[in-house]
Amino acid sequence: MAEETYPINLWINEERLEKLQSAGLASMCKEVLAGLKVIAVPNTADQKDKILKIFPMAKFDTATTKSIEALPRQIKDQIFDLVVKKKSLNVMDEFIKSQSKK
């Protein structure tokens, strides 16, 4: 059985979509409402707990989406930039390590 994942949903605008296309990840976007797209960056249970500890303002939506919400925009931007740089959605270990050094 696959391990359950807890996504961080990043909104995708035209500029971000172009960057994802260059990274070969545009197909990972999901249209959620009225043409707005998101890309879901997966987290394991352990990664989710670390993110919630590093960013106390973040919330975990247990009721509906089972996703990590309310991260500051600059943090979501850093995660997005890492996704594009690595051309992969599996960037959270590296992101968490980079935050622990600060």
N, C-alpha and C. Protein backbone atom coordinates (compact mmCIF):
# COMPACT_ATOMS: atom_id res chain seq x y z
N MET A 1 0.84 -1.19 0.00
CA MET A 1 0.00 0.00 0.00
C MET A 1 0.88 1.25 0.00
N ALA A 2 0.55 2.19 -0.83
CA ALA A 2 1.35 3.42 -0.92
C ALA A 2 1.15 4.25 0.35
N GLU A 3 2.23 4.89 0.74
CA GLU A 3 2.17 5.76 1.92
C GLU A 3 1.31 6.98 1.60
N GLU A 4 0.48 7.37 2.56
CA GLU A 4 -0.37 8.53 2.34
C GLU A 4 0.49 9.78 2.26
N THR A 5 0.11 10.70 1.37
CA THR A 5 0.86 11.94 1.25
C THR A 5 -0.03 13.11 1.63
N TYR A 6 0.63 14.17 2.06
CA TYR A 6 -0.05 15.37 2.52
C TYR A 6 0.50 16.53 1.69
N PRO A 7 -0.27 17.00 0.70
CA PRO A 7 0.28 17.98 -0.24
C PRO A 7 0.34 19.41 0.30
N ILE A 8 1.25 20.14 -0.29
CA ILE A 8 1.24 21.60 -0.22
C ILE A 8 0.80 22.02 -1.61
N ASN A 9 -0.35 22.66 -1.71
CA ASN A 9 -0.89 23.07 -3.01
C ASN A 9 -0.36 24.44 -3.37
N LEU A 10 0.27 24.53 -4.54
CA LEU A 10 0.81 25.79 -5.03
C LEU A 10 -0.03 26.25 -6.21
N TRP A 11 -0.54 27.48 -6.14
CA TRP A 11 -1.32 28.02 -7.25
C TRP A 11 -0.40 28.31 -8.42
N ILE A 12 -0.90 28.04 -9.62
CA ILE A 12 -0.10 28.18 -10.83
C ILE A 12 -0.72 29.24 -11.73
N ASN A 13 0.05 30.32 -11.96
CA ASN A 13 -0.38 31.35 -12.90
C ASN A 13 0.33 31.10 -14.24
N GLU A 14 0.13 31.98 -15.20
CA GLU A 14 0.72 31.78 -16.53
C GLU A 14 2.25 31.72 -16.45
N GLU A 15 2.85 32.62 -15.67
CA GLU A 15 4.31 32.67 -15.55
C GLU A 15 4.84 31.37 -14.95
N ARG A 16 4.18 30.90 -13.90
CA ARG A 16 4.62 29.65 -13.28
C ARG A 16 4.39 28.46 -14.21
N LEU A 17 3.30 28.50 -14.97
CA LEU A 17 3.01 27.41 -15.90
C LEU A 17 4.13 27.30 -16.94
N GLU A 18 4.62 28.43 -17.42
CA GLU A 18 5.73 28.42 -18.39
C GLU A 18 6.97 27.77 -17.77
N LYS A 19 7.25 28.12 -16.50
CA LYS A 19 8.42 27.53 -15.83
C LYS A 19 8.24 26.02 -15.67
N LEU A 20 7.02 25.60 -15.34
CA LEU A 20 6.76 24.17 -15.20
C LEU A 20 6.88 23.45 -16.54
N GLN A 21 6.44 24.12 -17.62
CA GLN A 21 6.57 23.53 -18.95
C GLN A 21 8.04 23.32 -19.28
N SER A 22 8.89 24.31 -18.96
CA SER A 22 10.33 24.17 -19.23
C SER A 22 10.93 23.04 -18.42
N ALA A 23 10.39 22.80 -17.23
CA ALA A 23 10.91 21.74 -16.36
C ALA A 23 10.27 20.39 -16.68
N GLY A 24 9.31 20.38 -17.62
CA GLY A 24 8.64 19.13 -17.99
C GLY A 24 7.61 18.66 -16.96
N LEU A 25 7.10 19.59 -16.15
CA LEU A 25 6.17 19.22 -15.09
C LEU A 25 4.76 19.77 -15.28
N ALA A 26 4.50 20.43 -16.38
CA ALA A 26 3.19 21.07 -16.57
C ALA A 26 2.04 20.07 -16.48
N SER A 27 2.29 18.83 -16.87
CA SER A 27 1.22 17.83 -16.83
C SER A 27 0.83 17.47 -15.39
N MET A 28 1.63 17.88 -14.41
CA MET A 28 1.33 17.58 -13.01
C MET A 28 0.31 18.57 -12.42
N CYS A 29 -0.01 19.63 -13.16
CA CYS A 29 -0.98 20.62 -12.67
C CYS A 29 -2.38 20.04 -12.73
N LYS A 30 -3.19 20.45 -11.76
CA LYS A 30 -4.60 20.06 -11.77
C LYS A 30 -5.43 21.33 -11.82
N GLU A 31 -6.45 21.31 -12.66
CA GLU A 31 -7.37 22.45 -12.70
C GLU A 31 -8.36 22.26 -11.56
N VAL A 32 -8.49 23.28 -10.70
CA VAL A 32 -9.36 23.12 -9.55
C VAL A 32 -10.65 23.90 -9.64
N LEU A 33 -10.60 25.13 -10.11
CA LEU A 33 -11.85 25.85 -10.29
C LEU A 33 -11.67 26.98 -11.28
N ALA A 34 -12.63 27.09 -12.17
CA ALA A 34 -12.67 28.17 -13.16
C ALA A 34 -11.34 28.43 -13.85
N GLY A 35 -10.65 27.36 -14.23
CA GLY A 35 -9.39 27.52 -14.95
C GLY A 35 -8.18 27.74 -14.07
N LEU A 36 -8.37 27.89 -12.77
CA LEU A 36 -7.23 28.05 -11.88
C LEU A 36 -6.57 26.69 -11.66
N LYS A 37 -5.24 26.69 -11.69
CA LYS A 37 -4.51 25.44 -11.59
C LYS A 37 -3.68 25.41 -10.30
N VAL A 38 -3.48 24.20 -9.80
CA VAL A 38 -2.56 24.00 -8.68
C VAL A 38 -1.65 22.83 -9.01
N ILE A 39 -0.51 22.84 -8.34
CA ILE A 39 0.37 21.68 -8.39
C ILE A 39 0.54 21.25 -6.93
N ALA A 40 0.41 19.96 -6.69
CA ALA A 40 0.46 19.45 -5.32
C ALA A 40 1.83 18.85 -5.05
N VAL A 41 2.56 19.46 -4.11
CA VAL A 41 3.88 18.96 -3.73
C VAL A 41 3.67 18.02 -2.54
N PRO A 42 3.98 16.73 -2.73
CA PRO A 42 3.66 15.75 -1.69
C PRO A 42 4.60 15.81 -0.49
N ASN A 43 4.04 15.47 0.67
CA ASN A 43 4.81 15.36 1.90
C ASN A 43 4.43 14.04 2.58
N THR A 44 5.42 13.39 3.16
CA THR A 44 5.12 12.22 3.99
C THR A 44 4.61 12.73 5.33
N ALA A 45 4.13 11.83 6.17
CA ALA A 45 3.66 12.22 7.50
C ALA A 45 4.80 12.89 8.28
N ASP A 46 6.00 12.33 8.17
CA ASP A 46 7.16 12.89 8.87
C ASP A 46 7.49 14.30 8.36
N GLN A 47 7.47 14.49 7.04
CA GLN A 47 7.74 15.81 6.46
C GLN A 47 6.67 16.81 6.89
N LYS A 48 5.41 16.37 6.88
CA LYS A 48 4.30 17.24 7.31
C LYS A 48 4.55 17.73 8.73
N ASP A 49 4.90 16.82 9.63
CA ASP A 49 5.15 17.20 11.03
C ASP A 49 6.30 18.19 11.14
N LYS A 50 7.36 17.98 10.35
CA LYS A 50 8.51 18.90 10.38
C LYS A 50 8.12 20.29 9.87
N ILE A 51 7.34 20.33 8.79
CA ILE A 51 6.89 21.62 8.24
C ILE A 51 6.05 22.37 9.26
N LEU A 52 5.13 21.66 9.90
CA LEU A 52 4.26 22.31 10.89
C LEU A 52 5.06 22.79 12.10
N LYS A 53 6.16 22.14 12.41
CA LYS A 53 7.02 22.56 13.52
C LYS A 53 7.85 23.79 13.12
N ILE A 54 8.41 23.76 11.90
CA ILE A 54 9.24 24.88 11.42
C ILE A 54 8.39 26.14 11.22
N PHE A 55 7.16 25.96 10.73
CA PHE A 55 6.28 27.09 10.42
C PHE A 55 5.02 26.99 11.27
N PRO A 56 5.05 27.52 12.50
CA PRO A 56 3.91 27.37 13.41
C PRO A 56 2.61 28.00 12.89
N MET A 57 2.70 28.93 11.93
CA MET A 57 1.49 29.56 11.41
C MET A 57 0.78 28.63 10.41
N ALA A 58 1.47 27.61 9.94
CA ALA A 58 0.86 26.69 8.98
C ALA A 58 -0.18 25.82 9.69
N LYS A 59 -1.13 25.37 8.92
CA LYS A 59 -2.21 24.53 9.44
C LYS A 59 -2.30 23.28 8.58
N PHE A 60 -2.78 22.21 9.19
CA PHE A 60 -3.04 20.99 8.45
C PHE A 60 -4.54 20.81 8.37
N ASP A 61 -5.07 20.77 7.15
CA ASP A 61 -6.51 20.63 6.95
C ASP A 61 -6.90 19.16 7.07
N THR A 62 -7.35 18.77 8.25
CA THR A 62 -7.71 17.38 8.49
C THR A 62 -9.11 17.08 7.95
N ALA A 63 -9.93 18.10 7.78
CA ALA A 63 -11.34 17.89 7.43
C ALA A 63 -11.55 17.56 5.95
N THR A 64 -10.95 18.33 5.06
CA THR A 64 -11.30 18.16 3.65
C THR A 64 -10.13 17.75 2.77
N THR A 65 -9.14 18.60 2.63
CA THR A 65 -8.11 18.37 1.62
C THR A 65 -6.93 17.54 2.10
N LYS A 66 -6.79 17.36 3.42
CA LYS A 66 -5.63 16.66 3.99
C LYS A 66 -4.33 17.29 3.46
N SER A 67 -4.34 18.63 3.39
CA SER A 67 -3.18 19.34 2.87
C SER A 67 -2.65 20.33 3.90
N ILE A 68 -1.43 20.77 3.66
CA ILE A 68 -0.79 21.76 4.53
C ILE A 68 -1.15 23.14 3.97
N GLU A 69 -1.75 23.96 4.82
CA GLU A 69 -2.26 25.27 4.39
C GLU A 69 -1.60 26.39 5.18
N ALA A 70 -1.83 27.62 4.73
CA ALA A 70 -1.45 28.85 5.43
C ALA A 70 0.06 29.03 5.58
N LEU A 71 0.81 28.48 4.64
CA LEU A 71 2.25 28.79 4.62
C LEU A 71 2.42 30.18 4.01
N PRO A 72 3.40 30.95 4.49
CA PRO A 72 3.64 32.27 3.89
C PRO A 72 3.97 32.16 2.40
N ARG A 73 3.58 33.19 1.67
CA ARG A 73 3.79 33.17 0.21
C ARG A 73 5.26 32.94 -0.15
N GLN A 74 6.18 33.60 0.57
CA GLN A 74 7.60 33.45 0.19
C GLN A 74 8.08 32.02 0.39
N ILE A 75 7.49 31.31 1.34
CA ILE A 75 7.86 29.91 1.56
C ILE A 75 7.33 29.06 0.40
N LYS A 76 6.10 29.31 0.00
CA LYS A 76 5.55 28.57 -1.15
C LYS A 76 6.34 28.90 -2.41
N ASP A 77 6.80 30.15 -2.54
CA ASP A 77 7.62 30.53 -3.70
C ASP A 77 8.94 29.74 -3.69
N GLN A 78 9.54 29.59 -2.51
CA GLN A 78 10.80 28.83 -2.41
C GLN A 78 10.59 27.37 -2.79
N ILE A 79 9.47 26.80 -2.35
CA ILE A 79 9.16 25.41 -2.70
C ILE A 79 8.96 25.29 -4.20
N PHE A 80 8.22 26.24 -4.78
CA PHE A 80 7.99 26.21 -6.23
C PHE A 80 9.32 26.30 -6.98
N ASP A 81 10.19 27.23 -6.57
CA ASP A 81 11.48 27.40 -7.25
C ASP A 81 12.31 26.11 -7.18
N LEU A 82 12.24 25.42 -6.06
CA LEU A 82 12.97 24.17 -5.89
C LEU A 82 12.40 23.08 -6.81
N VAL A 83 11.07 23.05 -6.94
CA VAL A 83 10.42 22.09 -7.85
C VAL A 83 10.94 22.30 -9.27
N VAL A 84 10.99 23.56 -9.71
CA VAL A 84 11.44 23.88 -11.07
C VAL A 84 12.92 23.53 -11.22
N LYS A 85 13.72 23.90 -10.22
CA LYS A 85 15.17 23.65 -10.29
C LYS A 85 15.46 22.15 -10.36
N LYS A 86 14.77 21.37 -9.54
CA LYS A 86 15.02 19.92 -9.47
C LYS A 86 14.24 19.14 -10.52
N LYS A 87 13.28 19.81 -11.19
CA LYS A 87 12.41 19.17 -12.17
C LYS A 87 11.72 17.95 -11.55
N SER A 88 11.28 18.14 -10.31
CA SER A 88 10.65 17.05 -9.57
C SER A 88 9.74 17.63 -8.50
N LEU A 89 8.70 16.87 -8.14
CA LEU A 89 7.85 17.30 -7.03
C LEU A 89 8.39 16.80 -5.69
N ASN A 90 9.35 15.90 -5.73
CA ASN A 90 9.90 15.33 -4.50
C ASN A 90 11.06 16.17 -3.98
N VAL A 91 10.72 17.33 -3.43
CA VAL A 91 11.75 18.28 -3.01
C VAL A 91 11.69 18.59 -1.51
N MET A 92 10.77 18.00 -0.80
CA MET A 92 10.54 18.46 0.58
C MET A 92 11.67 18.11 1.53
N ASP A 93 12.34 16.98 1.36
CA ASP A 93 13.48 16.68 2.23
C ASP A 93 14.54 17.78 2.10
N GLU A 94 14.84 18.12 0.86
CA GLU A 94 15.84 19.17 0.62
C GLU A 94 15.36 20.52 1.16
N PHE A 95 14.08 20.84 0.94
CA PHE A 95 13.55 22.10 1.44
C PHE A 95 13.63 22.17 2.97
N ILE A 96 13.24 21.10 3.64
CA ILE A 96 13.26 21.06 5.11
C ILE A 96 14.69 21.22 5.61
N LYS A 97 15.66 20.54 4.95
CA LYS A 97 17.07 20.70 5.35
C LYS A 97 17.51 22.15 5.21
N SER A 98 17.10 22.80 4.12
CA SER A 98 17.50 24.20 3.90
C SER A 98 16.92 25.11 4.96
N GLN A 99 15.72 24.80 5.46
CA GLN A 99 15.08 25.62 6.49
C GLN A 99 15.71 25.38 7.86
N SER A 100 16.18 24.18 8.11
CA SER A 100 16.78 23.85 9.41
C SER A 100 18.11 24.57 9.61
N LYS A 101 18.75 24.94 8.50
CA LYS A 101 20.06 25.61 8.59
C LYS A 101 19.92 27.08 8.93
N LYS A 102 18.71 27.63 8.79
CA LYS A 102 18.53 29.07 8.98
C LYS A 102 18.47 29.44 10.44
